[in-house]
Amino acid sequence: MRAYYFDNIPGDQRLPHDSGTPVSDHILKSLGLLHWYIPTSEQNQVDTIAEERDHKNKDTMNVTKQGLGDLFEEKLKSYYQEHMHEEEEIRYILEGTGFWDVREHLSDSWIRCQVDTGDLIVLPAGIYHRFTLGETNMIKALRLFKDEPKWTPINRGDFADVNPSRVDYLNSLAVN
């Protein structure tokens, strides 16, 4: 995984938007974001991480124009809307390329995390983020869940700001 500050230049969200300013693992970890590179030939390591993090269920997400048809652009727009989740988000990339943009809390800057085949990313519950595909327009990812598979975004706003998961996330930053 490669992380850098988003350049904020208008244009296709699927382009790299690399400002040229890298983001260190120390900064990512301070935001609660974790990542590993695990070759697809060693996927049993993904199961070990899932077990350590108490994730019991998984499914496969395959985002392609062929697979989603007329819903493709609509889905990409919904993923790119700034939001948070009440559970941590764990994704293991089986194929393709994508970007998770996460908010750096104090500066409110976007940090772009480019993921490729073999990358596993963990976003903490309560962190504001968004997702988009890379220029290949496809990604196949294993999604890990604590309970039944669900993807419930809570879009950024007053309601999200007082959500217990968001408050807990902000409190965890104060401890770090």
C-alpha atoms as a PDB file:
ATOM      1  CA  MET A   1       0.000   0.000   0.000  1.00  0.00           C
ATOM      2  CA  ARG A   2       1.192   3.488  -0.801  1.00  0.00           C
ATOM      3  CA  ALA A   3      -0.089   6.554   1.090  1.00  0.00           C
ATOM      4  CA  TYR A   4       0.248  10.236   0.257  1.00  0.00           C
ATOM      5  CA  TYR A   5      -1.629  13.506   0.607  1.00  0.00           C
ATOM      6  CA  PHE A   6      -4.365  13.965  -2.003  1.00  0.00           C
ATOM      7  CA  ASP A   7      -3.647  16.857  -4.377  1.00  0.00           C
ATOM      8  CA  ASN A   8      -7.215  18.291  -4.364  1.00  0.00           C
ATOM      9  CA  ILE A   9      -6.969  19.088  -8.082  1.00  0.00           C
ATOM     10  CA  PRO A  10     -10.358  18.656  -9.763  1.00  0.00           C
ATOM     11  CA  GLY A  11     -10.591  15.755 -12.172  1.00  0.00           C
ATOM     12  CA  ASP A  12     -11.403  12.080 -12.452  1.00  0.00           C
ATOM     13  CA  GLN A  13     -11.418  10.574  -8.951  1.00  0.00           C
ATOM     14  CA  ARG A  14      -9.878   7.379 -10.395  1.00  0.00           C
ATOM     15  CA  LEU A  15      -6.606   9.151 -11.206  1.00  0.00           C
ATOM     16  CA  PRO A  16      -3.791   8.973  -8.599  1.00  0.00           C
ATOM     17  CA  HIS A  17      -4.121  12.630  -7.424  1.00  0.00           C
ATOM     18  CA  ASP A  18      -0.646  12.330  -5.900  1.00  0.00           C
ATOM     19  CA  SER A  19       0.520  15.605  -4.311  1.00  0.00           C
ATOM     20  CA  GLY A  20       4.080  14.275  -4.131  1.00  0.00           C
ATOM     21  CA  THR A  21       3.964  14.359  -0.322  1.00  0.00           C
ATOM     22  CA  PRO A  22       4.136  10.820   1.114  1.00  0.00           C
ATOM     23  CA  VAL A  23       2.441   9.847   4.377  1.00  0.00           C
ATOM     24  CA  SER A  24       4.442   7.745   6.835  1.00  0.00           C
ATOM     25  CA  ASP A  25       3.267   4.560   8.507  1.00  0.00           C
ATOM     26  CA  HIS A  26       3.594   6.450  11.799  1.00  0.00           C
ATOM     27  CA  ILE A  27       0.923   8.969  10.695  1.00  0.00           C
ATOM     28  CA  LEU A  28      -1.339   6.185   9.384  1.00  0.00           C
ATOM     29  CA  LYS A  29      -1.016   4.254  12.626  1.00  0.00           C
ATOM     30  CA  SER A  30      -1.760   7.425  14.643  1.00  0.00           C
ATOM     31  CA  LEU A  31      -5.074   7.601  12.732  1.00  0.00           C
ATOM     32  CA  GLY A  32      -5.796   3.956  13.567  1.00  0.00           C
ATOM     33  CA  LEU A  33      -5.231   2.773   9.991  1.00  0.00           C
ATOM     34  CA  LEU A  34      -3.384  -0.524   9.627  1.00  0.00           C
ATOM     35  CA  HIS A  35      -2.136  -2.317   6.548  1.00  0.00           C
ATOM     36  CA  TRP A  36      -0.224  -5.402   5.459  1.00  0.00           C
ATOM     37  CA  TYR A  37       0.984  -6.859   2.198  1.00  0.00           C
ATOM     38  CA  ILE A  38       0.018 -10.532   1.954  1.00  0.00           C
ATOM     39  CA  PRO A  39       0.682 -12.378  -1.308  1.00  0.00           C
ATOM     40  CA  THR A  40      -2.477 -14.002  -2.645  1.00  0.00           C
ATOM     41  CA  SER A  41      -0.695 -17.362  -2.382  1.00  0.00           C
ATOM     42  CA  GLU A  42      -0.612 -16.872   1.419  1.00  0.00           C
ATOM     43  CA  GLN A  43      -4.245 -15.930   2.098  1.00  0.00           C
ATOM     44  CA  ASN A  44      -4.245 -18.035   5.280  1.00  0.00           C
ATOM     45  CA  GLN A  45      -2.531 -15.010   6.891  1.00  0.00           C
ATOM     46  CA  VAL A  46      -5.704 -13.021   6.188  1.00  0.00           C
ATOM     47  CA  ASP A  47      -7.688 -15.587   8.194  1.00  0.00           C
ATOM     48  CA  THR A  48      -5.218 -15.216  11.080  1.00  0.00           C
ATOM     49  CA  ILE A  49      -5.642 -11.427  11.121  1.00  0.00           C
ATOM     50  CA  ALA A  50      -9.439 -11.801  10.886  1.00  0.00           C
ATOM     51  CA  GLU A  51      -9.417 -14.162  13.868  1.00  0.00           C
ATOM     52  CA  GLU A  52      -7.169 -11.825  15.899  1.00  0.00           C
ATOM     53  CA  ARG A  53      -9.598  -8.960  15.198  1.00  0.00           C
ATOM     54  CA  ASP A  54     -12.678 -11.097  15.986  1.00  0.00           C
ATOM     55  CA  HIS A  55     -14.034 -11.067  12.428  1.00  0.00           C
ATOM     56  CA  LYS A  56     -16.057 -14.205  11.766  1.00  0.00           C
ATOM     57  CA  ASN A  57     -17.684 -13.581   8.389  1.00  0.00           C
ATOM     58  CA  LYS A  58     -16.498 -12.611   4.946  1.00  0.00           C
ATOM     59  CA  ASP A  59     -17.709 -12.125   1.416  1.00  0.00           C
ATOM     60  CA  THR A  60     -16.208 -11.059  -1.896  1.00  0.00           C
ATOM     61  CA  MET A  61     -16.894  -7.676  -3.461  1.00  0.00           C
ATOM     62  CA  ASN A  62     -16.348  -7.485  -7.220  1.00  0.00           C
ATOM     63  CA  VAL A  63     -16.728  -3.948  -8.551  1.00  0.00           C
ATOM     64  CA  THR A  64     -16.605  -3.883 -12.350  1.00  0.00           C
ATOM     65  CA  LYS A  65     -18.587  -2.200 -15.093  1.00  0.00           C
ATOM     66  CA  GLN A  66     -19.515  -5.620 -16.478  1.00  0.00           C
ATOM     67  CA  GLY A  67     -20.638  -6.906 -13.090  1.00  0.00           C
ATOM     68  CA  LEU A  68     -22.666  -3.852 -12.060  1.00  0.00           C
ATOM     69  CA  GLY A  69     -23.897  -2.736 -15.490  1.00  0.00           C
ATOM     70  CA  ASP A  70     -26.010   0.435 -15.322  1.00  0.00           C
ATOM     71  CA  LEU A  71     -25.442   0.693 -11.541  1.00  0.00           C
ATOM     72  CA  PHE A  72     -21.647   1.035 -11.942  1.00  0.00           C
ATOM     73  CA  GLU A  73     -21.379   4.852 -11.948  1.00  0.00           C
ATOM     74  CA  GLU A  74     -24.053   5.191  -9.243  1.00  0.00           C
ATOM     75  CA  LYS A  75     -22.181   2.745  -6.971  1.00  0.00           C
ATOM     76  CA  LEU A  76     -18.884   4.577  -7.491  1.00  0.00           C
ATOM     77  CA  LYS A  77     -20.550   7.859  -6.548  1.00  0.00           C
ATOM     78  CA  SER A  78     -21.963   6.334  -3.349  1.00  0.00           C
ATOM     79  CA  TYR A  79     -18.575   4.870  -2.375  1.00  0.00           C
ATOM     80  CA  TYR A  80     -16.917   8.258  -2.994  1.00  0.00           C
ATOM     81  CA  GLN A  81     -19.329  10.137  -0.723  1.00  0.00           C
ATOM     82  CA  GLU A  82     -17.496  10.941   2.520  1.00  0.00           C
ATOM     83  CA  HIS A  83     -18.777   8.624   5.242  1.00  0.00           C
ATOM     84  CA  MET A  84     -17.891   6.483   8.239  1.00  0.00           C
ATOM     85  CA  HIS A  85     -18.962   3.084   9.571  1.00  0.00           C
ATOM     86  CA  GLU A  86     -19.827   1.859  13.048  1.00  0.00           C
ATOM     87  CA  GLU A  87     -17.510  -1.135  12.585  1.00  0.00           C
ATOM     88  CA  GLU A  88     -13.944  -1.251  11.378  1.00  0.00           C
ATOM     89  CA  GLU A  89     -13.630  -1.861   7.673  1.00  0.00           C
ATOM     90  CA  ILE A  90     -11.233  -4.618   6.594  1.00  0.00           C
ATOM     91  CA  ARG A  91     -10.548  -5.314   2.928  1.00  0.00           C
ATOM     92  CA  TYR A  92      -8.067  -7.675   1.299  1.00  0.00           C
ATOM     93  CA  ILE A  93      -7.437  -6.931  -2.365  1.00  0.00           C
ATOM     94  CA  LEU A  94      -7.607 -10.042  -4.542  1.00  0.00           C
ATOM     95  CA  GLU A  95      -7.335  -8.212  -7.899  1.00  0.00           C
ATOM     96  CA  GLY A  96      -7.254  -4.677  -9.214  1.00  0.00           C
ATOM     97  CA  THR A  97      -6.486  -1.275  -7.781  1.00  0.00           C
ATOM     98  CA  GLY A  98      -8.406   1.214  -5.665  1.00  0.00           C
ATOM     99  CA  PHE A  99      -8.015   4.203  -3.389  1.00  0.00           C
ATOM    100  CA  TRP A 100      -9.255   4.765   0.150  1.00  0.00           C
ATOM    101  CA  ASP A 101      -9.104   8.431   1.038  1.00  0.00           C
ATOM    102  CA  VAL A 102      -9.118   8.991   4.801  1.00  0.00           C
ATOM    103  CA  ARG A 103      -9.448  12.251   6.699  1.00  0.00           C
ATOM    104  CA  GLU A 104      -6.512  13.344   8.774  1.00  0.00           C
ATOM    105  CA  HIS A 105      -8.394  14.556  11.814  1.00  0.00           C
ATOM    106  CA  LEU A 106      -6.568  17.737  12.842  1.00  0.00           C
ATOM    107  CA  SER A 107      -5.847  19.135   9.374  1.00  0.00           C
ATOM    108  CA  ASP A 108      -8.990  17.732   7.693  1.00  0.00           C
ATOM    109  CA  SER A 109      -6.694  16.867   4.745  1.00  0.00           C
ATOM    110  CA  TRP A 110      -7.320  13.819   2.608  1.00  0.00           C
ATOM    111  CA  ILE A 111      -4.731  11.057   2.764  1.00  0.00           C
ATOM    112  CA  ARG A 112      -4.956   8.785  -0.276  1.00  0.00           C
ATOM    113  CA  CYS A 113      -4.149   5.113   0.284  1.00  0.00           C
ATOM    114  CA  GLN A 114      -3.546   3.217  -2.945  1.00  0.00           C
ATOM    115  CA  VAL A 115      -4.266  -0.500  -2.624  1.00  0.00           C
ATOM    116  CA  ASP A 116      -3.304  -3.200  -5.085  1.00  0.00           C
ATOM    117  CA  THR A 117      -3.460  -6.988  -5.252  1.00  0.00           C
ATOM    118  CA  GLY A 118      -2.229  -8.463  -1.954  1.00  0.00           C
ATOM    119  CA  ASP A 119      -2.851  -5.366   0.181  1.00  0.00           C
ATOM    120  CA  LEU A 120      -4.951  -5.681   3.329  1.00  0.00           C
ATOM    121  CA  ILE A 121      -6.251  -2.466   4.860  1.00  0.00           C
ATOM    122  CA  VAL A 122      -8.042  -1.859   8.165  1.00  0.00           C
ATOM    123  CA  LEU A 123      -9.943   1.399   8.661  1.00  0.00           C
ATOM    124  CA  PRO A 124     -11.072   2.011  12.238  1.00  0.00           C
ATOM    125  CA  ALA A 125     -14.748   2.472  13.058  1.00  0.00           C
ATOM    126  CA  GLY A 126     -15.625   6.168  13.055  1.00  0.00           C
ATOM    127  CA  ILE A 127     -12.968   7.434  10.627  1.00  0.00           C
ATOM    128  CA  TYR A 128     -14.252   9.580   7.767  1.00  0.00           C
ATOM    129  CA  HIS A 129     -13.269   8.115   4.429  1.00  0.00           C
ATOM    130  CA  ARG A 130     -14.306   7.442   0.850  1.00  0.00           C
ATOM    131  CA  PHE A 131     -13.384   4.870  -1.794  1.00  0.00           C
ATOM    132  CA  THR A 132     -12.877   4.813  -5.535  1.00  0.00           C
ATOM    133  CA  LEU A 133     -11.472   2.487  -8.118  1.00  0.00           C
ATOM    134  CA  GLY A 134      -8.166   3.067  -9.877  1.00  0.00           C
ATOM    135  CA  GLU A 135      -7.827   3.617 -13.603  1.00  0.00           C
ATOM    136  CA  THR A 136      -8.360  -0.098 -14.305  1.00  0.00           C
ATOM    137  CA  ASN A 137     -12.005   0.373 -13.239  1.00  0.00           C
ATOM    138  CA  MET A 138     -12.081  -2.883 -11.340  1.00  0.00           C
ATOM    139  CA  ILE A 139     -11.389  -4.315  -7.950  1.00  0.00           C
ATOM    140  CA  LYS A 140     -12.092  -7.665  -6.360  1.00  0.00           C
ATOM    141  CA  ALA A 141     -11.768  -7.640  -2.590  1.00  0.00           C
ATOM    142  CA  LEU A 142     -12.442  -9.909   0.338  1.00  0.00           C
ATOM    143  CA  ARG A 143     -14.549  -8.044   2.908  1.00  0.00           C
ATOM    144  CA  LEU A 144     -14.262  -9.143   6.540  1.00  0.00           C
ATOM    145  CA  PHE A 145     -16.992  -8.611   9.142  1.00  0.00           C
ATOM    146  CA  LYS A 146     -17.420  -9.220  12.864  1.00  0.00           C
ATOM    147  CA  ASP A 147     -20.980 -10.436  12.345  1.00  0.00           C
ATOM    148  CA  GLU A 148     -23.229 -10.745   9.307  1.00  0.00           C
ATOM    149  CA  PRO A 149     -21.894  -9.019   6.178  1.00  0.00           C
ATOM    150  CA  LYS A 150     -23.225  -5.475   5.931  1.00  0.00           C
ATOM    151  CA  TRP A 151     -22.033  -2.182   4.540  1.00  0.00           C
ATOM    152  CA  THR A 152     -23.853   0.714   6.153  1.00  0.00           C
ATOM    153  CA  PRO A 153     -22.323   4.118   5.430  1.00  0.00           C
ATOM    154  CA  ILE A 154     -23.132   7.087   7.651  1.00  0.00           C
ATOM    155  CA  ASN A 155     -22.466  10.192   5.573  1.00  0.00           C
ATOM    156  CA  ARG A 156     -20.480  12.989   7.189  1.00  0.00           C
ATOM    157  CA  GLY A 157     -22.642  15.587   8.902  1.00  0.00           C
ATOM    158  CA  ASP A 158     -24.037  16.590  12.287  1.00  0.00           C
ATOM    159  CA  PHE A 159     -25.644  13.173  12.799  1.00  0.00           C
ATOM    160  CA  ALA A 160     -22.374  11.352  12.090  1.00  0.00           C
ATOM    161  CA  ASP A 161     -20.330  13.721  14.253  1.00  0.00           C
ATOM    162  CA  VAL A 162     -22.206  12.627  17.398  1.00  0.00           C
ATOM    163  CA  ASN A 163     -22.420   8.939  16.476  1.00  0.00           C
ATOM    164  CA  PRO A 164     -20.904   6.857  19.326  1.00  0.00           C
ATOM    165  CA  SER A 165     -18.441   5.187  16.909  1.00  0.00           C
ATOM    166  CA  ARG A 166     -17.217   8.606  15.760  1.00  0.00           C
ATOM    167  CA  VAL A 167     -16.940   9.895  19.338  1.00  0.00           C
ATOM    168  CA  ASP A 168     -15.027   6.744  20.363  1.00  0.00           C
ATOM    169  CA  TYR A 169     -12.715   7.182  17.377  1.00  0.00           C
ATOM    170  CA  LEU A 170     -11.956  10.804  18.295  1.00  0.00           C
ATOM    171  CA  ASN A 171     -11.346   9.796  21.905  1.00  0.00           C
ATOM    172  CA  SER A 172      -8.894   7.115  20.741  1.00  0.00           C
ATOM    173  CA  LEU A 173      -6.928   9.782  18.850  1.00  0.00           C
ATOM    174  CA  ALA A 174      -6.590  11.842  22.027  1.00  0.00           C
ATOM    175  CA  VAL A 175      -4.987   8.829  23.748  1.00  0.00           C
ATOM    176  CA  ASN A 176      -2.477   8.297  20.933  1.00  0.00           C
END
